[in-house]
Amino acid sequence: MGSEDIIYGTVISTVIAAFLAIIPATIAKRKGRSYGKWWFYGWMLFIVALIHSLLLEDETKKEPIILQIKNTSLNQSTENKQDDVELLKKYKQLFEDGIITKEEYEIKKKQILKI
């Protein structure tokens, strides 16, 4: 086996690895990842990249982070408002039942409404 055979074998293996790298890159791209980065990853470590790309979470189905933050804060503010309304009703009932005074009720009302 001469040096030409070694060079030929190296070139053939490099070309085959480059073509095989298309598989994990395509899978990752469909899941919202960078094709180029995943192609290079697949070229260098085909088996690892293939398994990794198959296990990736699909980013295209996720909400953008801004929407997640907005939805979370809207849900929290809605829940807080509902909790505040319930709390105000309870204090109002305590006032109407004569358990707390009007002044105590007004203080709690201002605290809950953050006045």
N, C-alpha and C. Protein backbone atom coordinates (compact mmCIF):
# COMPACT_ATOMS: atom_id res chain seq x y z
N MET A 1 0.85 -1.17 0.00
CA MET A 1 0.00 0.00 0.00
C MET A 1 0.90 1.24 0.00
N GLY A 2 0.74 2.05 -1.04
CA GLY A 2 1.59 3.22 -1.19
C GLY A 2 0.96 4.46 -0.60
N SER A 3 1.72 5.54 -0.68
CA SER A 3 1.24 6.80 -0.13
C SER A 3 0.06 7.34 -0.94
N GLU A 4 0.00 7.00 -2.22
CA GLU A 4 -1.13 7.44 -3.04
C GLU A 4 -2.43 6.78 -2.57
N ASP A 5 -2.33 5.52 -2.17
CA ASP A 5 -3.51 4.82 -1.67
C ASP A 5 -4.00 5.43 -0.36
N ILE A 6 -3.08 5.84 0.49
CA ILE A 6 -3.44 6.47 1.77
C ILE A 6 -4.13 7.81 1.51
N ILE A 7 -3.58 8.59 0.59
CA ILE A 7 -4.17 9.89 0.26
C ILE A 7 -5.57 9.68 -0.35
N TYR A 8 -5.67 8.73 -1.28
CA TYR A 8 -6.95 8.43 -1.92
C TYR A 8 -7.98 7.99 -0.88
N GLY A 9 -7.60 7.13 0.03
CA GLY A 9 -8.49 6.66 1.09
C GLY A 9 -8.94 7.80 2.01
N THR A 10 -8.02 8.69 2.33
CA THR A 10 -8.34 9.84 3.18
C THR A 10 -9.34 10.77 2.48
N VAL A 11 -9.11 11.03 1.22
CA VAL A 11 -10.02 11.91 0.47
C VAL A 11 -11.41 11.29 0.38
N ILE A 12 -11.47 10.01 0.07
CA ILE A 12 -12.76 9.32 -0.04
C ILE A 12 -13.50 9.34 1.30
N SER A 13 -12.78 9.05 2.42
CA SER A 13 -13.44 9.08 3.73
C SER A 13 -13.93 10.47 4.10
N THR A 14 -13.16 11.49 3.72
CA THR A 14 -13.57 12.87 4.02
C THR A 14 -14.83 13.22 3.24
N VAL A 15 -14.90 12.84 1.99
CA VAL A 15 -16.07 13.13 1.15
C VAL A 15 -17.29 12.38 1.68
N ILE A 16 -17.12 11.12 2.04
CA ILE A 16 -18.23 10.34 2.59
C ILE A 16 -18.72 10.96 3.90
N ALA A 17 -17.78 11.38 4.76
CA ALA A 17 -18.17 12.01 6.03
C ALA A 17 -18.93 13.31 5.78
N ALA A 18 -18.50 14.07 4.76
CA ALA A 18 -19.19 15.32 4.43
C ALA A 18 -20.62 15.05 3.97
N PHE A 19 -20.82 13.99 3.18
CA PHE A 19 -22.17 13.65 2.75
C PHE A 19 -23.02 13.11 3.89
N LEU A 20 -22.44 12.31 4.75
CA LEU A 20 -23.19 11.77 5.89
C LEU A 20 -23.61 12.89 6.85
N ALA A 21 -22.81 13.94 6.93
CA ALA A 21 -23.11 15.05 7.84
C ALA A 21 -24.41 15.75 7.47
N ILE A 22 -24.87 15.55 6.25
CA ILE A 22 -26.13 16.16 5.81
C ILE A 22 -27.30 15.62 6.62
N ILE A 23 -27.23 14.38 7.06
CA ILE A 23 -28.35 13.75 7.77
C ILE A 23 -28.66 14.45 9.10
N PRO A 24 -27.69 14.56 10.05
CA PRO A 24 -28.04 15.25 11.30
C PRO A 24 -28.31 16.74 11.09
N ALA A 25 -27.66 17.35 10.08
CA ALA A 25 -27.90 18.77 9.81
C ALA A 25 -29.33 19.00 9.35
N THR A 26 -29.85 18.12 8.51
CA THR A 26 -31.22 18.24 8.03
C THR A 26 -32.23 18.02 9.16
N ILE A 27 -31.97 17.04 9.99
CA ILE A 27 -32.86 16.77 11.13
C ILE A 27 -32.89 17.98 12.07
N ALA A 28 -31.70 18.51 12.38
CA ALA A 28 -31.61 19.66 13.28
C ALA A 28 -32.26 20.90 12.67
N LYS A 29 -32.10 21.10 11.36
CA LYS A 29 -32.71 22.26 10.70
C LYS A 29 -34.23 22.20 10.80
N ARG A 30 -34.80 21.02 10.63
CA ARG A 30 -36.25 20.86 10.75
C ARG A 30 -36.74 21.15 12.16
N LYS A 31 -35.84 21.09 13.11
CA LYS A 31 -36.21 21.37 14.50
C LYS A 31 -35.80 22.78 14.91
N GLY A 32 -35.46 23.62 13.92
CA GLY A 32 -35.20 25.03 14.19
C GLY A 32 -33.76 25.37 14.54
N ARG A 33 -32.83 24.51 14.22
CA ARG A 33 -31.42 24.77 14.54
C ARG A 33 -30.64 25.18 13.28
N SER A 34 -29.42 25.64 13.46
CA SER A 34 -28.56 26.08 12.37
C SER A 34 -28.06 24.89 11.55
N TYR A 35 -28.34 24.93 10.26
CA TYR A 35 -27.92 23.84 9.37
C TYR A 35 -26.39 23.74 9.31
N GLY A 36 -25.71 24.87 9.14
CA GLY A 36 -24.25 24.87 8.99
C GLY A 36 -23.53 24.32 10.21
N LYS A 37 -23.95 24.77 11.38
CA LYS A 37 -23.30 24.29 12.61
C LYS A 37 -23.51 22.79 12.80
N TRP A 38 -24.72 22.34 12.50
CA TRP A 38 -25.02 20.93 12.66
C TRP A 38 -24.36 20.08 11.58
N TRP A 39 -24.16 20.65 10.39
CA TRP A 39 -23.44 19.92 9.35
C TRP A 39 -21.99 19.70 9.80
N PHE A 40 -21.38 20.76 10.32
CA PHE A 40 -19.99 20.64 10.78
C PHE A 40 -19.90 19.64 11.94
N TYR A 41 -20.82 19.74 12.86
CA TYR A 41 -20.88 18.80 13.99
C TYR A 41 -21.01 17.37 13.47
N GLY A 42 -21.89 17.15 12.50
CA GLY A 42 -22.08 15.83 11.90
C GLY A 42 -20.87 15.35 11.14
N TRP A 43 -20.14 16.27 10.52
CA TRP A 43 -18.95 15.91 9.78
C TRP A 43 -17.84 15.43 10.73
N MET A 44 -17.75 16.11 11.86
CA MET A 44 -16.70 15.77 12.83
C MET A 44 -17.06 14.52 13.66
N LEU A 45 -18.31 14.44 14.10
CA LEU A 45 -18.73 13.35 15.00
C LEU A 45 -20.09 12.81 14.55
N PHE A 46 -20.11 12.12 13.43
CA PHE A 46 -21.38 11.73 12.81
C PHE A 46 -22.33 11.00 13.75
N ILE A 47 -21.89 9.93 14.38
CA ILE A 47 -22.78 9.10 15.21
C ILE A 47 -23.33 9.92 16.38
N VAL A 48 -22.47 10.67 17.03
CA VAL A 48 -22.90 11.50 18.18
C VAL A 48 -23.90 12.55 17.71
N ALA A 49 -23.57 13.23 16.61
CA ALA A 49 -24.45 14.29 16.09
C ALA A 49 -25.80 13.72 15.64
N LEU A 50 -25.78 12.54 15.05
CA LEU A 50 -27.03 11.93 14.61
C LEU A 50 -27.95 11.64 15.79
N ILE A 51 -27.40 11.01 16.81
CA ILE A 51 -28.19 10.70 18.01
C ILE A 51 -28.68 11.99 18.67
N HIS A 52 -27.77 12.95 18.79
CA HIS A 52 -28.11 14.24 19.42
C HIS A 52 -29.24 14.93 18.64
N SER A 53 -29.13 14.96 17.32
CA SER A 53 -30.16 15.65 16.52
C SER A 53 -31.52 14.95 16.64
N LEU A 54 -31.51 13.64 16.79
CA LEU A 54 -32.78 12.93 16.96
C LEU A 54 -33.42 13.22 18.31
N LEU A 55 -32.60 13.52 19.30
CA LEU A 55 -33.13 13.79 20.64
C LEU A 55 -33.45 15.25 20.90
N LEU A 56 -33.15 16.12 19.95
CA LEU A 56 -33.39 17.56 20.13
C LEU A 56 -34.87 17.87 20.29
N GLU A 57 -35.13 18.87 21.10
CA GLU A 57 -36.49 19.37 21.23
C GLU A 57 -36.79 20.29 20.05
N ASP A 58 -37.99 20.24 19.54
CA ASP A 58 -38.38 21.03 18.38
C ASP A 58 -38.59 22.49 18.78
N GLU A 59 -37.69 23.37 18.34
CA GLU A 59 -37.78 24.79 18.66
C GLU A 59 -38.86 25.51 17.86
N THR A 60 -39.27 24.95 16.74
CA THR A 60 -40.26 25.62 15.91
C THR A 60 -41.64 25.59 16.54
N LYS A 61 -41.88 24.67 17.47
CA LYS A 61 -43.18 24.57 18.12
C LYS A 61 -43.25 25.36 19.41
N LYS A 62 -42.12 25.90 19.85
CA LYS A 62 -42.10 26.67 21.09
C LYS A 62 -42.55 28.10 20.83
N GLU A 63 -43.15 28.71 21.87
CA GLU A 63 -43.48 30.12 21.79
C GLU A 63 -42.18 30.91 21.93
N PRO A 64 -42.07 32.04 21.24
CA PRO A 64 -40.91 32.89 21.48
C PRO A 64 -40.86 33.31 22.95
N ILE A 65 -39.67 33.51 23.48
CA ILE A 65 -39.48 33.80 24.91
C ILE A 65 -40.24 35.06 25.34
N ILE A 66 -40.34 36.05 24.46
CA ILE A 66 -41.07 37.28 24.79
C ILE A 66 -42.54 36.95 25.07
N LEU A 67 -43.13 36.12 24.22
CA LEU A 67 -44.53 35.76 24.43
C LEU A 67 -44.70 34.94 25.70
N GLN A 68 -43.72 34.08 26.00
CA GLN A 68 -43.80 33.30 27.23
C GLN A 68 -43.80 34.23 28.44
N ILE A 69 -42.92 35.23 28.42
CA ILE A 69 -42.84 36.17 29.55
C ILE A 69 -44.13 36.97 29.66
N LYS A 70 -44.65 37.46 28.52
CA LYS A 70 -45.89 38.23 28.54
C LYS A 70 -47.04 37.38 29.07
N ASN A 71 -47.17 36.16 28.55
CA ASN A 71 -48.26 35.29 28.99
C ASN A 71 -48.14 34.96 30.47
N THR A 72 -46.93 34.73 30.95
CA THR A 72 -46.72 34.43 32.36
C THR A 72 -47.11 35.62 33.21
N SER A 73 -46.66 36.83 32.81
CA SER A 73 -46.98 38.00 33.62
C SER A 73 -48.47 38.32 33.55
N LEU A 74 -49.11 38.12 32.39
CA LEU A 74 -50.55 38.35 32.30
C LEU A 74 -51.31 37.36 33.18
N ASN A 75 -50.91 36.11 33.16
CA ASN A 75 -51.56 35.11 34.01
C ASN A 75 -51.38 35.45 35.48
N GLN A 76 -50.17 35.88 35.84
CA GLN A 76 -49.91 36.22 37.23
C GLN A 76 -50.73 37.44 37.65
N SER A 77 -50.78 38.47 36.78
CA SER A 77 -51.53 39.66 37.16
C SER A 77 -53.03 39.35 37.25
N THR A 78 -53.54 38.52 36.37
CA THR A 78 -54.95 38.13 36.42
C THR A 78 -55.23 37.35 37.69
N GLU A 79 -54.34 36.41 38.02
CA GLU A 79 -54.51 35.62 39.25
C GLU A 79 -54.42 36.53 40.47
N ASN A 80 -53.48 37.47 40.45
CA ASN A 80 -53.33 38.40 41.58
C ASN A 80 -54.59 39.25 41.75
N LYS A 81 -55.15 39.73 40.63
CA LYS A 81 -56.36 40.55 40.71
C LYS A 81 -57.53 39.73 41.27
N GLN A 82 -57.64 38.48 40.82
CA GLN A 82 -58.71 37.63 41.33
C GLN A 82 -58.53 37.37 42.82
N ASP A 83 -57.28 37.13 43.22
CA ASP A 83 -57.00 36.92 44.65
C ASP A 83 -57.34 38.18 45.45
N ASP A 84 -57.00 39.33 44.89
CA ASP A 84 -57.29 40.60 45.57
C ASP A 84 -58.79 40.82 45.73
N VAL A 85 -59.54 40.50 44.69
CA VAL A 85 -61.00 40.65 44.74
C VAL A 85 -61.58 39.74 45.82
N GLU A 86 -61.12 38.49 45.84
CA GLU A 86 -61.60 37.54 46.86
C GLU A 86 -61.26 38.03 48.26
N LEU A 87 -60.05 38.54 48.42
CA LEU A 87 -59.62 39.03 49.73
C LEU A 87 -60.46 40.24 50.16
N LEU A 88 -60.71 41.14 49.22
CA LEU A 88 -61.56 42.31 49.53
C LEU A 88 -62.96 41.87 49.95
N LYS A 89 -63.51 40.88 49.26
CA LYS A 89 -64.84 40.38 49.61
C LYS A 89 -64.85 39.81 51.03
N LYS A 90 -63.80 39.11 51.39
CA LYS A 90 -63.72 38.53 52.74
C LYS A 90 -63.66 39.62 53.80
N TYR A 91 -62.82 40.65 53.55
CA TYR A 91 -62.73 41.74 54.52
C TYR A 91 -64.03 42.53 54.59
N LYS A 92 -64.70 42.71 53.44
CA LYS A 92 -65.99 43.40 53.42
C LYS A 92 -67.01 42.62 54.26
N GLN A 93 -67.01 41.31 54.12
CA GLN A 93 -67.93 40.46 54.90
C GLN A 93 -67.61 40.56 56.39
N LEU A 94 -66.31 40.57 56.73
CA LEU A 94 -65.92 40.71 58.14
C LEU A 94 -66.40 42.05 58.69
N PHE A 95 -66.29 43.11 57.87
CA PHE A 95 -66.77 44.43 58.29
C PHE A 95 -68.28 44.42 58.48
N GLU A 96 -69.01 43.84 57.51
CA GLU A 96 -70.47 43.80 57.59
C GLU A 96 -70.95 42.96 58.76
N ASP A 97 -70.17 41.94 59.13
CA ASP A 97 -70.54 41.09 60.27
C ASP A 97 -70.14 41.73 61.60
N GLY A 98 -69.46 42.87 61.55
CA GLY A 98 -69.08 43.57 62.77
C GLY A 98 -67.83 43.01 63.44
N ILE A 99 -67.08 42.18 62.73
CA ILE A 99 -65.87 41.58 63.32
C ILE A 99 -64.71 42.55 63.27
N ILE A 100 -64.64 43.37 62.22
CA ILE A 100 -63.61 44.41 62.15
C ILE A 100 -64.30 45.76 61.99
N THR A 101 -63.58 46.80 62.34
CA THR A 101 -64.15 48.15 62.24
C THR A 101 -63.99 48.68 60.82
N LYS A 102 -64.69 49.80 60.58
CA LYS A 102 -64.61 50.44 59.25
C LYS A 102 -63.19 50.89 58.97
N GLU A 103 -62.50 51.40 59.99
CA GLU A 103 -61.12 51.87 59.82
C GLU A 103 -60.20 50.69 59.44
N GLU A 104 -60.37 49.55 60.10
CA GLU A 104 -59.55 48.37 59.79
C GLU A 104 -59.83 47.90 58.36
N TYR A 105 -61.11 47.94 57.99
CA TYR A 105 -61.48 47.55 56.63
C TYR A 105 -60.84 48.47 55.60
N GLU A 106 -60.90 49.77 55.84
CA GLU A 106 -60.33 50.75 54.90
C GLU A 106 -58.81 50.59 54.79
N ILE A 107 -58.15 50.31 55.91
CA ILE A 107 -56.69 50.09 55.90
C ILE A 107 -56.36 48.88 55.02
N LYS A 108 -57.07 47.78 55.24
CA LYS A 108 -56.82 46.56 54.47
C LYS A 108 -57.14 46.78 53.00
N LYS A 109 -58.21 47.51 52.71
CA LYS A 109 -58.60 47.80 51.35
C LYS A 109 -57.50 48.58 50.63
N LYS A 110 -56.94 49.58 51.31
CA LYS A 110 -55.85 50.37 50.71
C LYS A 110 -54.60 49.50 50.50
N GLN A 111 -54.32 48.60 51.45
CA GLN A 111 -53.17 47.71 51.28
C GLN A 111 -53.36 46.79 50.09
N ILE A 112 -54.54 46.22 49.94
CA ILE A 112 -54.80 45.29 48.86
C ILE A 112 -54.78 46.00 47.50
N LEU A 113 -55.39 47.18 47.46
CA LEU A 113 -55.44 47.94 46.21
C LEU A 113 -54.15 48.73 45.97
N LYS A 114 -53.25 48.69 46.95
CA LYS A 114 -51.95 49.39 46.86
C LYS A 114 -52.13 50.88 46.61
N ILE A 115 -53.03 51.46 47.42
CA ILE A 115 -53.30 52.91 47.32
C ILE A 115 -52.41 53.63 48.30
